[in-house]
Amino acid sequence: MMNGFSKRAGFTLVELLITVAILAIVTALAAPSFNDLIQRNKRTACANALVGVLQLARSEAVRVVAPVTVTAPSGIAAGVTVYRDLDGGSDVDPDEVLRRTSSCNGPSVSVASGSIDFSYLPDGQTSMPGLLEIEICEDSTSGETGRKLSVLSTGVLQSMPLTCS
């Protein structure tokens, strides 16, 4: 032992405070971009869920050689129901439902043109006379990139980026 002191490895209080300050600055810079990433992921997840349910409806109609109906009776924001009308009634029975989606968390979903109450026919086409366009954007921001889903009367589904307004 030298002079009663032993040499210890460690951090001084000043070094610790400088490290915490640098960490706080980096966190403050990264937080907004991380929030944007979360919002983009929510929009993408919502678009993917809608694409999945529409593709399911079309493939099921072709597979069973019978019409499969896609509807959003409470509006698309409340979710989409896909069913096969087995009894020919105008109502949806619980045993006829193939898939029911919940609402999207976060982004707003709106129907830009057309309506979500159509059937996929056994040949993969739709019963719609025109085009169905669904827009997925954030309510609070404009100029952000959202998604636009288009269902053509031929049954083809297109997904493309959209600049939200």
Protein backbone atom coordinates (compact mmCIF):
# COMPACT_ATOMS: atom_id res chain seq x y z
CA MET A 1 0.00 0.00 0.00
CA MET A 2 1.19 3.40 -0.87
CA ASN A 3 0.47 6.18 1.62
CA GLY A 4 -2.59 4.33 2.88
CA PHE A 5 -4.46 4.69 -0.41
CA SER A 6 -5.25 1.96 -2.89
CA LYS A 7 -5.80 2.70 -6.54
CA ARG A 8 -9.43 1.97 -7.50
CA ALA A 9 -10.84 1.82 -11.00
CA GLY A 10 -14.18 3.51 -11.60
CA PHE A 11 -15.95 6.64 -12.75
CA THR A 12 -15.79 10.02 -11.17
CA LEU A 13 -18.95 12.01 -10.57
CA VAL A 14 -18.04 14.43 -13.38
CA GLU A 15 -17.59 11.59 -15.89
CA LEU A 16 -20.94 10.11 -14.89
CA LEU A 17 -22.74 13.46 -15.27
CA ILE A 18 -21.20 14.04 -18.71
CA THR A 19 -22.30 10.56 -19.83
CA VAL A 20 -25.87 11.13 -18.59
CA ALA A 21 -26.00 14.53 -20.34
CA ILE A 22 -24.86 13.02 -23.66
CA LEU A 23 -27.40 10.21 -23.30
CA ALA A 24 -30.18 12.76 -22.66
CA ILE A 25 -29.24 14.76 -25.77
CA VAL A 26 -29.16 11.65 -28.00
CA THR A 27 -32.53 10.50 -26.61
CA ALA A 28 -34.08 13.93 -27.23
CA LEU A 29 -32.89 13.84 -30.85
CA ALA A 30 -34.07 10.26 -31.48
CA ALA A 31 -37.53 10.48 -29.86
CA PRO A 32 -39.35 12.38 -32.68
CA SER A 33 -38.05 10.07 -35.41
CA PHE A 34 -38.97 7.04 -33.30
CA ASN A 35 -42.52 8.41 -32.94
CA ASP A 36 -42.71 8.85 -36.73
CA LEU A 37 -41.55 5.27 -37.16
CA ILE A 38 -44.32 4.04 -34.88
CA GLN A 39 -46.96 6.02 -36.83
CA ARG A 40 -45.67 4.69 -40.17
CA ASN A 41 -45.77 1.13 -38.83
CA LYS A 42 -49.38 1.61 -37.68
CA ARG A 43 -50.40 2.82 -41.16
CA THR A 44 -48.57 -0.10 -42.78
CA ALA A 45 -50.13 -2.63 -40.40
CA CYS A 46 -53.61 -1.25 -41.10
CA ALA A 47 -53.05 -1.39 -44.87
CA ASN A 48 -51.67 -4.94 -44.64
CA ALA A 49 -54.68 -6.08 -42.59
CA LEU A 50 -57.09 -4.68 -45.19
CA VAL A 51 -55.11 -6.17 -48.08
CA GLY A 52 -55.11 -9.53 -46.32
CA VAL A 53 -58.85 -9.58 -45.74
CA LEU A 54 -59.59 -8.53 -49.34
CA GLN A 55 -57.24 -11.16 -50.74
CA LEU A 56 -58.84 -13.77 -48.49
CA ALA A 57 -62.30 -12.87 -49.79
CA ARG A 58 -61.23 -13.09 -53.42
CA SER A 59 -59.35 -16.37 -53.05
CA GLU A 60 -62.20 -17.92 -51.06
CA ALA A 61 -64.71 -16.96 -53.77
CA VAL A 62 -62.56 -18.62 -56.43
CA ARG A 63 -61.86 -21.66 -54.23
CA VAL A 64 -65.48 -22.45 -53.33
CA VAL A 65 -66.92 -21.22 -56.65
CA ALA A 66 -69.47 -19.03 -54.87
CA PRO A 67 -69.78 -15.32 -54.12
CA VAL A 68 -68.07 -14.01 -50.99
CA THR A 69 -69.27 -10.68 -49.63
CA VAL A 70 -67.13 -7.91 -48.16
CA THR A 71 -68.97 -5.34 -46.08
CA ALA A 72 -68.39 -2.64 -43.48
CA PRO A 73 -71.87 -2.03 -42.06
CA SER A 74 -70.68 0.40 -39.36
CA GLY A 75 -68.16 2.13 -41.61
CA ILE A 76 -64.68 0.99 -42.52
CA ALA A 77 -63.19 2.57 -39.38
CA ALA A 78 -65.12 0.01 -37.30
CA GLY A 79 -63.78 -2.96 -39.29
CA VAL A 80 -64.61 -5.15 -42.27
CA THR A 81 -66.65 -8.37 -42.35
CA VAL A 82 -66.10 -11.09 -44.95
CA TYR A 83 -68.81 -13.73 -45.21
CA ARG A 84 -70.31 -16.33 -47.49
CA ASP A 85 -74.11 -16.16 -47.56
CA LEU A 86 -74.99 -19.83 -47.21
CA ASP A 87 -78.74 -19.47 -46.61
CA GLY A 88 -79.44 -16.72 -49.15
CA GLY A 89 -80.72 -14.33 -46.49
CA SER A 90 -79.87 -10.67 -46.36
CA ASP A 91 -78.34 -10.86 -42.88
CA VAL A 92 -74.96 -12.15 -41.75
CA ASP A 93 -75.24 -15.28 -39.62
CA PRO A 94 -72.37 -16.12 -37.23
CA ASP A 95 -71.60 -19.39 -39.02
CA GLU A 96 -71.24 -17.57 -42.36
CA VAL A 97 -68.47 -15.18 -41.25
CA LEU A 98 -65.05 -16.02 -42.68
CA ARG A 99 -63.16 -13.09 -41.16
CA ARG A 100 -64.02 -9.99 -39.19
CA THR A 101 -61.33 -7.34 -38.78
CA SER A 102 -61.19 -4.88 -35.93
CA SER A 103 -60.62 -1.18 -36.37
CA CYS A 104 -57.15 0.06 -37.14
CA ASN A 105 -55.29 1.47 -34.14
CA GLY A 106 -54.05 4.97 -34.81
CA PRO A 107 -54.51 5.92 -38.45
CA SER A 108 -57.79 7.07 -39.90
CA VAL A 109 -59.24 4.95 -42.66
CA SER A 110 -61.66 6.44 -45.14
CA VAL A 111 -63.33 5.40 -48.35
CA ALA A 112 -62.38 7.91 -51.03
CA SER A 113 -64.64 6.44 -53.71
CA GLY A 114 -66.99 3.49 -53.98
CA SER A 115 -68.50 1.63 -51.06
CA ILE A 116 -67.49 -1.36 -49.01
CA ASP A 117 -70.47 -3.56 -49.68
CA PHE A 118 -69.66 -5.82 -52.60
CA SER A 119 -69.07 -9.44 -53.46
CA TYR A 120 -66.20 -11.26 -55.07
CA LEU A 121 -67.61 -13.54 -57.75
CA PRO A 122 -66.37 -17.09 -58.48
CA ASP A 123 -64.23 -15.79 -61.36
CA GLY A 124 -62.36 -13.40 -59.01
CA GLN A 125 -64.09 -10.26 -60.26
CA THR A 126 -66.24 -8.02 -58.11
CA SER A 127 -69.90 -7.06 -58.22
CA MET A 128 -68.89 -3.37 -58.09
CA PRO A 129 -69.69 -1.22 -61.10
CA GLY A 130 -66.62 0.95 -60.53
CA LEU A 131 -63.57 1.50 -58.42
CA LEU A 132 -63.19 1.29 -54.62
CA GLU A 133 -60.45 3.46 -53.10
CA ILE A 134 -59.51 3.28 -49.42
CA GLU A 135 -57.16 5.87 -47.92
CA ILE A 136 -55.14 5.30 -44.76
CA CYS A 137 -53.70 8.49 -43.23
CA GLU A 138 -53.05 10.18 -39.89
CA ASP A 139 -55.63 12.74 -38.75
CA SER A 140 -53.08 14.96 -37.05
CA THR A 141 -50.55 15.30 -39.86
CA SER A 142 -50.64 16.34 -43.46
CA GLY A 143 -47.97 15.77 -46.05
CA GLU A 144 -47.12 12.41 -44.49
CA THR A 145 -47.04 9.27 -46.57
CA GLY A 146 -50.09 7.07 -46.15
CA ARG A 147 -51.44 4.19 -48.23
CA LYS A 148 -54.13 4.04 -50.85
CA LEU A 149 -55.76 0.70 -51.61
CA SER A 150 -57.68 0.39 -54.87
CA VAL A 151 -59.99 -2.48 -55.72
CA LEU A 152 -60.82 -2.60 -59.40
CA SER A 153 -64.05 -4.10 -60.70
CA THR A 154 -61.91 -6.90 -62.16
CA GLY A 155 -60.98 -7.85 -58.59
CA VAL A 156 -57.38 -6.67 -58.87
CA LEU A 157 -56.11 -5.05 -55.67
CA GLN A 158 -53.51 -2.28 -55.84
CA SER A 159 -51.64 -0.72 -52.92
CA MET A 160 -49.69 2.48 -53.44
CA PRO A 161 -48.18 5.32 -51.40
CA LEU A 162 -50.35 8.36 -50.82
CA THR A 163 -49.46 11.88 -49.68
CA CYS A 164 -52.04 12.68 -47.03
CA SER A 165 -53.78 16.04 -47.05
